[in-house]
């Protein structure tokens, strides 16, 4: 059965723990490689979550109800 998706905060804490363990340098090589691979997976998942959040936050709905990017919105001086 697939593992339930962890929250962003839980994944970040797990990645931080892996980085700390690997930085200490007293992890056996095979364990270090496994931890490194796990860290890469967590990093990619976190990056994807952040990208999706950024995409969501940069979209706004204009007065006509159409979605547009935040950068495309006129500033108060342009109106």
Foldseek 3Di string as FASTA:
>chain_A
DDDDDDDLVVLVVLLVVLVVVVVVPPDDPVVNVVSVVSNVVSVVVNVVVVVVVVVVVQWDQDPVRDIDGVVPDDDPVRD
